Each structure stands twice: as C-alpha cells, then as structure tokens.
Amino acid sequence: MIRIKCINPKCTAPDGVFSWDERAHVEGGGGLAEPGEAGAVSFVAECPYCGTENKIWLKLVKENDVVTRGWYR
C-alpha cells in the first residue's frame, strides 16, 4: 500500500492522505515513480474519502495494465 496526498484541499481524509493498493498493478519491485521516468506509466487513484482523481506514476507495471490510446478522426 502506498500513501497518497490528495490534491483536493478540502479532502476529508485524515491529514488529506489516503492509502492505495498498487500491488495489483505492478510487478515485484515496482512502485511509485517520478513523472517522465523511463518506463513509468500514469494511473488515476481515486480518493475514497472525497472521490477526487489523483494522478500517480508507477514503474514496473504489469503488461496487461498498459493502455494505449490513439487519436481518431
């Protein structure tokens, strides 16, 4: 479990921090990454207290979790 500081300044979570289980999405040794880090993939972690979507970055993501979106005209 990782602890995430919610971006909502009015979040009702204790100290504005909630736990999110990343283990379903990463391989062994994976976890939080910096934006732009090689191999990092962004995820949305919804705060269970206020419902705000928080963007986080993970490394060593399981292949079946990677979604590629293209622009269609």
PDB file of N, CA and C in Angstrom:
ATOM      1  N   MET A   1       0.846  -1.178   0.000  1.00  0.00           N
ATOM      2  CA  MET A   1       0.000   0.000   0.000  1.00  0.00           C
ATOM      3  C   MET A   1       0.893   1.244   0.000  1.00  0.00           C
ATOM      4  N   ILE A   2       0.486   2.201  -0.813  1.00  0.00           N
ATOM      5  CA  ILE A   2       1.197   3.474  -0.821  1.00  0.00           C
ATOM      6  C   ILE A   2       0.271   4.548  -0.270  1.00  0.00           C
ATOM      7  N   ARG A   3       0.877   5.559   0.305  1.00  0.00           N
ATOM      8  CA  ARG A   3       0.105   6.668   0.860  1.00  0.00           C
ATOM      9  C   ARG A   3       0.164   7.825  -0.127  1.00  0.00           C
ATOM     10  N   ILE A   4      -1.012   8.368  -0.427  1.00  0.00           N
ATOM     11  CA  ILE A   4      -1.118   9.436  -1.426  1.00  0.00           C
ATOM     12  C   ILE A   4      -1.728  10.667  -0.777  1.00  0.00           C
ATOM     13  N   LYS A   5      -1.092  11.800  -0.984  1.00  0.00           N
ATOM     14  CA  LYS A   5      -1.621  13.086  -0.530  1.00  0.00           C
ATOM     15  C   LYS A   5      -2.633  13.541  -1.579  1.00  0.00           C
ATOM     16  N   CYS A   6      -3.898  13.634  -1.189  1.00  0.00           N
ATOM     17  CA  CYS A   6      -4.962  14.008  -2.112  1.00  0.00           C
ATOM     18  C   CYS A   6      -4.758  15.453  -2.587  1.00  0.00           C
ATOM     19  N   ILE A   7      -5.034  15.689  -3.871  1.00  0.00           N
ATOM     20  CA  ILE A   7      -4.868  17.030  -4.431  1.00  0.00           C
ATOM     21  C   ILE A   7      -6.011  17.963  -4.058  1.00  0.00           C
ATOM     22  N   ASN A   8      -7.090  17.418  -3.517  1.00  0.00           N
ATOM     23  CA  ASN A   8      -8.232  18.235  -3.117  1.00  0.00           C
ATOM     24  C   ASN A   8      -7.932  18.898  -1.766  1.00  0.00           C
ATOM     25  N   PRO A   9      -7.834  20.216  -1.725  1.00  0.00           N
ATOM     26  CA  PRO A   9      -7.521  20.881  -0.457  1.00  0.00           C
ATOM     27  C   PRO A   9      -8.626  20.735   0.589  1.00  0.00           C
ATOM     28  N   LYS A  10      -9.822  20.346   0.181  1.00  0.00           N
ATOM     29  CA  LYS A  10     -10.935  20.164   1.112  1.00  0.00           C
ATOM     30  C   LYS A  10     -11.208  18.685   1.399  1.00  0.00           C
ATOM     31  N   CYS A  11     -10.268  17.816   1.063  1.00  0.00           N
ATOM     32  CA  CYS A  11     -10.423  16.378   1.279  1.00  0.00           C
ATOM     33  C   CYS A  11     -10.633  16.095   2.768  1.00  0.00           C
ATOM     34  N   THR A  12     -11.520  15.132   3.041  1.00  0.00           N
ATOM     35  CA  THR A  12     -11.847  14.787   4.427  1.00  0.00           C
ATOM     36  C   THR A  12     -11.002  13.633   4.979  1.00  0.00           C
ATOM     37  N   ALA A  13     -10.062  13.131   4.183  1.00  0.00           N
ATOM     38  CA  ALA A  13      -9.170  12.070   4.674  1.00  0.00           C
ATOM     39  C   ALA A  13      -8.309  12.621   5.810  1.00  0.00           C
ATOM     40  N   PRO A  14      -7.953  11.766   6.772  1.00  0.00           N
ATOM     41  CA  PRO A  14      -7.069  12.234   7.848  1.00  0.00           C
ATOM     42  C   PRO A  14      -5.779  12.830   7.279  1.00  0.00           C
ATOM     43  N   ASP A  15      -5.520  14.075   7.569  1.00  0.00           N
ATOM     44  CA  ASP A  15      -4.354  14.805   7.060  1.00  0.00           C
ATOM     45  C   ASP A  15      -4.339  14.894   5.530  1.00  0.00           C
ATOM     46  N   GLY A  16      -5.482  14.617   4.883  1.00  0.00           N
ATOM     47  CA  GLY A  16      -5.565  14.678   3.431  1.00  0.00           C
ATOM     48  C   GLY A  16      -4.824  13.556   2.731  1.00  0.00           C
ATOM     49  N   VAL A  17      -4.550  12.458   3.448  1.00  0.00           N
ATOM     50  CA  VAL A  17      -3.765  11.344   2.917  1.00  0.00           C
ATOM     51  C   VAL A  17      -4.596  10.069   2.958  1.00  0.00           C
ATOM     52  N   PHE A  18      -4.541   9.300   1.859  1.00  0.00           N
ATOM     53  CA  PHE A  18      -5.239   8.015   1.823  1.00  0.00           C
ATOM     54  C   PHE A  18      -4.298   6.927   1.326  1.00  0.00           C
ATOM     55  N   SER A  19      -4.635   5.676   1.577  1.00  0.00           N
ATOM     56  CA  SER A  19      -3.837   4.533   1.134  1.00  0.00           C
ATOM     57  C   SER A  19      -4.420   3.972  -0.154  1.00  0.00           C
ATOM     58  N   TRP A  20      -3.551   3.515  -1.048  1.00  0.00           N
ATOM     59  CA  TRP A  20      -3.963   2.934  -2.324  1.00  0.00           C
ATOM     60  C   TRP A  20      -3.112   1.703  -2.565  1.00  0.00           C
ATOM     61  N   ASP A  21      -3.753   0.592  -2.940  1.00  0.00           N
ATOM     62  CA  ASP A  21      -3.045  -0.672  -3.137  1.00  0.00           C
ATOM     63  C   ASP A  21      -2.537  -0.779  -4.575  1.00  0.00           C
ATOM     64  N   GLU A  22      -1.259  -0.589  -4.747  1.00  0.00           N
ATOM     65  CA  GLU A  22      -0.645  -0.626  -6.068  1.00  0.00           C
ATOM     66  C   GLU A  22      -0.252  -2.031  -6.499  1.00  0.00           C
ATOM     67  N   ARG A  23      -0.287  -2.993  -5.592  1.00  0.00           N
ATOM     68  CA  ARG A  23       0.242  -4.334  -5.864  1.00  0.00           C
ATOM     69  C   ARG A  23      -0.458  -5.049  -7.016  1.00  0.00           C
ATOM     70  N   ALA A  24      -1.726  -4.735  -7.268  1.00  0.00           N
ATOM     71  CA  ALA A  24      -2.437  -5.370  -8.379  1.00  0.00           C
ATOM     72  C   ALA A  24      -1.951  -4.864  -9.729  1.00  0.00           C
ATOM     73  N   HIS A  25      -1.207  -3.760  -9.739  1.00  0.00           N
ATOM     74  CA  HIS A  25      -0.812  -3.126 -10.990  1.00  0.00           C
ATOM     75  C   HIS A  25       0.673  -3.210 -11.312  1.00  0.00           C
ATOM     76  N   VAL A  26       1.512  -3.611 -10.358  1.00  0.00           N
ATOM     77  CA  VAL A  26       2.961  -3.616 -10.599  1.00  0.00           C
ATOM     78  C   VAL A  26       3.567  -4.997 -10.372  1.00  0.00           C
ATOM     79  N   GLU A  27       4.671  -5.219 -11.053  1.00  0.00           N
ATOM     80  CA  GLU A  27       5.465  -6.436 -10.859  1.00  0.00           C
ATOM     81  C   GLU A  27       6.241  -6.299  -9.552  1.00  0.00           C
ATOM     82  N   GLY A  28       6.844  -7.385  -9.107  1.00  0.00           N
ATOM     83  CA  GLY A  28       7.674  -7.344  -7.914  1.00  0.00           C
ATOM     84  C   GLY A  28       8.769  -6.300  -8.044  1.00  0.00           C
ATOM     85  N   GLY A  29       8.924  -5.480  -7.044  1.00  0.00           N
ATOM     86  CA  GLY A  29       9.926  -4.423  -7.069  1.00  0.00           C
ATOM     87  C   GLY A  29       9.430  -3.135  -7.691  1.00  0.00           C
ATOM     88  N   GLY A  30       8.214  -3.140  -8.227  1.00  0.00           N
ATOM     89  CA  GLY A  30       7.645  -1.933  -8.818  1.00  0.00           C
ATOM     90  C   GLY A  30       7.013  -1.054  -7.764  1.00  0.00           C
ATOM     91  N   GLY A  31       6.637   0.134  -8.155  1.00  0.00           N
ATOM     92  CA  GLY A  31       6.003   1.056  -7.222  1.00  0.00           C
ATOM     93  C   GLY A  31       5.999   2.465  -7.769  1.00  0.00           C
ATOM     94  N   LEU A  32       5.993   3.422  -6.881  1.00  0.00           N
ATOM     95  CA  LEU A  32       5.934   4.820  -7.285  1.00  0.00           C
ATOM     96  C   LEU A  32       7.128   5.217  -8.138  1.00  0.00           C
ATOM     97  N   ALA A  33       6.851   6.094  -9.088  1.00  0.00           N
ATOM     98  CA  ALA A  33       7.892   6.611  -9.972  1.00  0.00           C
ATOM     99  C   ALA A  33       7.700   8.112 -10.115  1.00  0.00           C
ATOM    100  N   GLU A  34       8.701   8.766 -10.656  1.00  0.00           N
ATOM    101  CA  GLU A  34       8.627  10.193 -10.946  1.00  0.00           C
ATOM    102  C   GLU A  34       8.010  10.372 -12.334  1.00  0.00           C
ATOM    103  N   PRO A  35       7.244  11.444 -12.542  1.00  0.00           N
ATOM    104  CA  PRO A  35       6.718  11.716 -13.884  1.00  0.00           C
ATOM    105  C   PRO A  35       7.861  11.806 -14.897  1.00  0.00           C
ATOM    106  N   GLY A  36       7.697  11.142 -16.013  1.00  0.00           N
ATOM    107  CA  GLY A  36       8.721  11.167 -17.052  1.00  0.00           C
ATOM    108  C   GLY A  36       9.843  10.163 -16.867  1.00  0.00           C
ATOM    109  N   GLU A  37       9.848   9.437 -15.754  1.00  0.00           N
ATOM    110  CA  GLU A  37      10.874   8.421 -15.520  1.00  0.00           C
ATOM    111  C   GLU A  37      10.744   7.322 -16.578  1.00  0.00           C
ATOM    112  N   ALA A  38      11.844   6.798 -17.041  1.00  0.00           N
ATOM    113  CA  ALA A  38      11.831   5.755 -18.063  1.00  0.00           C
ATOM    114  C   ALA A  38      10.973   4.578 -17.607  1.00  0.00           C
ATOM    115  N   GLY A  39      10.026   4.195 -18.434  1.00  0.00           N
ATOM    116  CA  GLY A  39       9.159   3.058 -18.131  1.00  0.00           C
ATOM    117  C   GLY A  39       8.005   3.360 -17.197  1.00  0.00           C
ATOM    118  N   ALA A  40       7.885   4.593 -16.735  1.00  0.00           N
ATOM    119  CA  ALA A  40       6.797   4.949 -15.814  1.00  0.00           C
ATOM    120  C   ALA A  40       5.483   5.113 -16.571  1.00  0.00           C
ATOM    121  N   VAL A  41       4.410   4.694 -15.928  1.00  0.00           N
ATOM    122  CA  VAL A  41       3.067   4.780 -16.505  1.00  0.00           C
ATOM    123  C   VAL A  41       2.168   5.497 -15.503  1.00  0.00           C
ATOM    124  N   SER A  42       1.316   6.382 -16.005  1.00  0.00           N
ATOM    125  CA  SER A  42       0.430   7.118 -15.099  1.00  0.00           C
ATOM    126  C   SER A  42      -0.844   6.326 -14.818  1.00  0.00           C
ATOM    127  N   PHE A  43      -1.338   6.475 -13.611  1.00  0.00           N
ATOM    128  CA  PHE A  43      -2.579   5.863 -13.155  1.00  0.00           C
ATOM    129  C   PHE A  43      -3.403   6.929 -12.453  1.00  0.00           C
ATOM    130  N   VAL A  44      -4.686   6.668 -12.328  1.00  0.00           N
ATOM    131  CA  VAL A  44      -5.564   7.541 -11.557  1.00  0.00           C
ATOM    132  C   VAL A  44      -5.966   6.780 -10.305  1.00  0.00           C
ATOM    133  N   ALA A  45      -5.635   7.344  -9.154  1.00  0.00           N
ATOM    134  CA  ALA A  45      -6.017   6.768  -7.867  1.00  0.00           C
ATOM    135  C   ALA A  45      -7.128   7.639  -7.288  1.00  0.00           C
ATOM    136  N   GLU A  46      -8.323   7.082  -7.224  1.00  0.00           N
ATOM    137  CA  GLU A  46      -9.462   7.850  -6.706  1.00  0.00           C
ATOM    138  C   GLU A  46      -9.448   7.841  -5.183  1.00  0.00           C
ATOM    139  N   CYS A  47      -9.567   9.019  -4.602  1.00  0.00           N
ATOM    140  CA  CYS A  47      -9.594   9.141  -3.147  1.00  0.00           C
ATOM    141  C   CYS A  47     -10.915   8.565  -2.625  1.00  0.00           C
ATOM    142  N   PRO A  48     -10.854   7.607  -1.704  1.00  0.00           N
ATOM    143  CA  PRO A  48     -12.079   7.015  -1.177  1.00  0.00           C
ATOM    144  C   PRO A  48     -12.854   7.954  -0.249  1.00  0.00           C
ATOM    145  N   TYR A  49     -12.244   9.050   0.155  1.00  0.00           N
ATOM    146  CA  TYR A  49     -12.901   9.993   1.058  1.00  0.00           C
ATOM    147  C   TYR A  49     -13.689  11.063   0.316  1.00  0.00           C
ATOM    148  N   CYS A  50     -13.103  11.606  -0.743  1.00  0.00           N
ATOM    149  CA  CYS A  50     -13.758  12.726  -1.431  1.00  0.00           C
ATOM    150  C   CYS A  50     -14.043  12.454  -2.904  1.00  0.00           C
ATOM    151  N   GLY A  51     -13.511  11.348  -3.444  1.00  0.00           N
ATOM    152  CA  GLY A  51     -13.762  10.990  -4.830  1.00  0.00           C
ATOM    153  C   GLY A  51     -12.878  11.688  -5.845  1.00  0.00           C
ATOM    154  N   THR A  52     -11.932  12.492  -5.394  1.00  0.00           N
ATOM    155  CA  THR A  52     -11.037  13.205  -6.303  1.00  0.00           C
ATOM    156  C   THR A  52     -10.090  12.223  -6.987  1.00  0.00           C
ATOM    157  N   GLU A  53      -9.861  12.435  -8.284  1.00  0.00           N
ATOM    158  CA  GLU A  53      -8.932  11.609  -9.042  1.00  0.00           C
ATOM    159  C   GLU A  53      -7.523  12.193  -8.920  1.00  0.00           C
ATOM    160  N   ASN A  54      -6.601  11.403  -8.421  1.00  0.00           N
ATOM    161  CA  ASN A  54      -5.217  11.807  -8.204  1.00  0.00           C
ATOM    162  C   ASN A  54      -4.331  11.049  -9.188  1.00  0.00           C
ATOM    163  N   LYS A  55      -3.566  11.772  -9.997  1.00  0.00           N
ATOM    164  CA  LYS A  55      -2.676  11.138 -10.963  1.00  0.00           C
ATOM    165  C   LYS A  55      -1.387  10.748 -10.265  1.00  0.00           C
ATOM    166  N   ILE A  56      -1.025   9.477 -10.420  1.00  0.00           N
ATOM    167  CA  ILE A  56       0.227   8.977  -9.857  1.00  0.00           C
ATOM    168  C   ILE A  56       0.997   8.266 -10.962  1.00  0.00           C
ATOM    169  N   TRP A  57       2.273   8.036 -10.746  1.00  0.00           N
ATOM    170  CA  TRP A  57       3.132   7.350 -11.705  1.00  0.00           C
ATOM    171  C   TRP A  57       3.694   6.099 -11.053  1.00  0.00           C
ATOM    172  N   LEU A  58       3.650   4.979 -11.795  1.00  0.00           N
ATOM    173  CA  LEU A  58       4.175   3.710 -11.301  1.00  0.00           C
ATOM    174  C   LEU A  58       5.192   3.160 -12.289  1.00  0.00           C
ATOM    175  N   LYS A  59       6.158   2.400 -11.742  1.00  0.00           N
ATOM    176  CA  LYS A  59       7.149   1.734 -12.588  1.00  0.00           C
ATOM    177  C   LYS A  59       7.002   0.229 -12.435  1.00  0.00           C
ATOM    178  N   LEU A  60       7.508  -0.490 -13.409  1.00  0.00           N
ATOM    179  CA  LEU A  60       7.393  -1.949 -13.487  1.00  0.00           C
ATOM    180  C   LEU A  60       5.926  -2.374 -13.447  1.00  0.00           C
ATOM    181  N   VAL A  61       5.148  -1.753 -14.326  1.00  0.00           N
ATOM    182  CA  VAL A  61       3.711  -2.027 -14.410  1.00  0.00           C
ATOM    183  C   VAL A  61       3.477  -3.335 -15.150  1.00  0.00           C
ATOM    184  N   LYS A  62       2.488  -4.097 -14.687  1.00  0.00           N
ATOM    185  CA  LYS A  62       2.131  -5.338 -15.370  1.00  0.00           C
ATOM    186  C   LYS A  62       1.658  -5.014 -16.781  1.00  0.00           C
ATOM    187  N   GLU A  63       2.091  -5.810 -17.705  1.00  0.00           N
ATOM    188  CA  GLU A  63       1.813  -5.563 -19.129  1.00  0.00           C
ATOM    189  C   GLU A  63       0.319  -5.433 -19.430  1.00  0.00           C
ATOM    190  N   ASN A  64      -0.531  -6.203 -18.766  1.00  0.00           N
ATOM    191  CA  ASN A  64      -1.970  -6.150 -19.070  1.00  0.00           C
ATOM    192  C   ASN A  64      -2.634  -4.882 -18.542  1.00  0.00           C
ATOM    193  N   ASP A  65      -1.932  -4.037 -17.804  1.00  0.00           N
ATOM    194  CA  ASP A  65      -2.487  -2.778 -17.305  1.00  0.00           C
ATOM    195  C   ASP A  65      -2.160  -1.593 -18.210  1.00  0.00           C
ATOM    196  N   VAL A  66      -1.298  -1.783 -19.183  1.00  0.00           N
ATOM    197  CA  VAL A  66      -0.896  -0.684 -20.052  1.00  0.00           C
ATOM    198  C   VAL A  66      -1.947  -0.501 -21.142  1.00  0.00           C
ATOM    199  N   VAL A  67      -2.474   0.704 -21.225  1.00  0.00           N
ATOM    200  CA  VAL A  67      -3.500   1.021 -22.220  1.00  0.00           C
ATOM    201  C   VAL A  67      -2.939   2.094 -23.140  1.00  0.00           C
ATOM    202  N   THR A  68      -3.031   1.858 -24.419  1.00  0.00           N
ATOM    203  CA  THR A  68      -2.584   2.841 -25.391  1.00  0.00           C
ATOM    204  C   THR A  68      -3.811   3.452 -26.037  1.00  0.00           C
ATOM    205  N   ARG A  69      -3.873   4.764 -26.011  1.00  0.00           N
ATOM    206  CA  ARG A  69      -4.995   5.463 -26.626  1.00  0.00           C
ATOM    207  C   ARG A  69      -4.473   6.264 -27.806  1.00  0.00           C
ATOM    208  N   GLY A  70      -5.195   6.206 -28.897  1.00  0.00           N
ATOM    209  CA  GLY A  70      -4.817   6.964 -30.087  1.00  0.00           C
ATOM    210  C   GLY A  70      -5.871   8.008 -30.404  1.00  0.00           C
ATOM    211  N   TRP A  71      -5.500   8.928 -31.240  1.00  0.00           N
ATOM    212  CA  TRP A  71      -6.438   9.959 -31.685  1.00  0.00           C
ATOM    213  C   TRP A  71      -7.120   9.454 -32.941  1.00  0.00           C
ATOM    214  N   TYR A  72      -8.426   9.558 -32.965  1.00  0.00           N
ATOM    215  CA  TYR A  72      -9.201   9.101 -34.115  1.00  0.00           C
ATOM    216  C   TYR A  72      -9.924  10.282 -34.724  1.00  0.00           C
ATOM    217  N   ARG A  73      -9.930  10.346 -36.036  1.00  0.00           N
ATOM    218  CA  ARG A  73     -10.614  11.452 -36.722  1.00  0.00           C
ATOM    219  C   ARG A  73     -11.762  10.932 -37.523  1.00  0.00           C
TER     220      ARG A  73
END
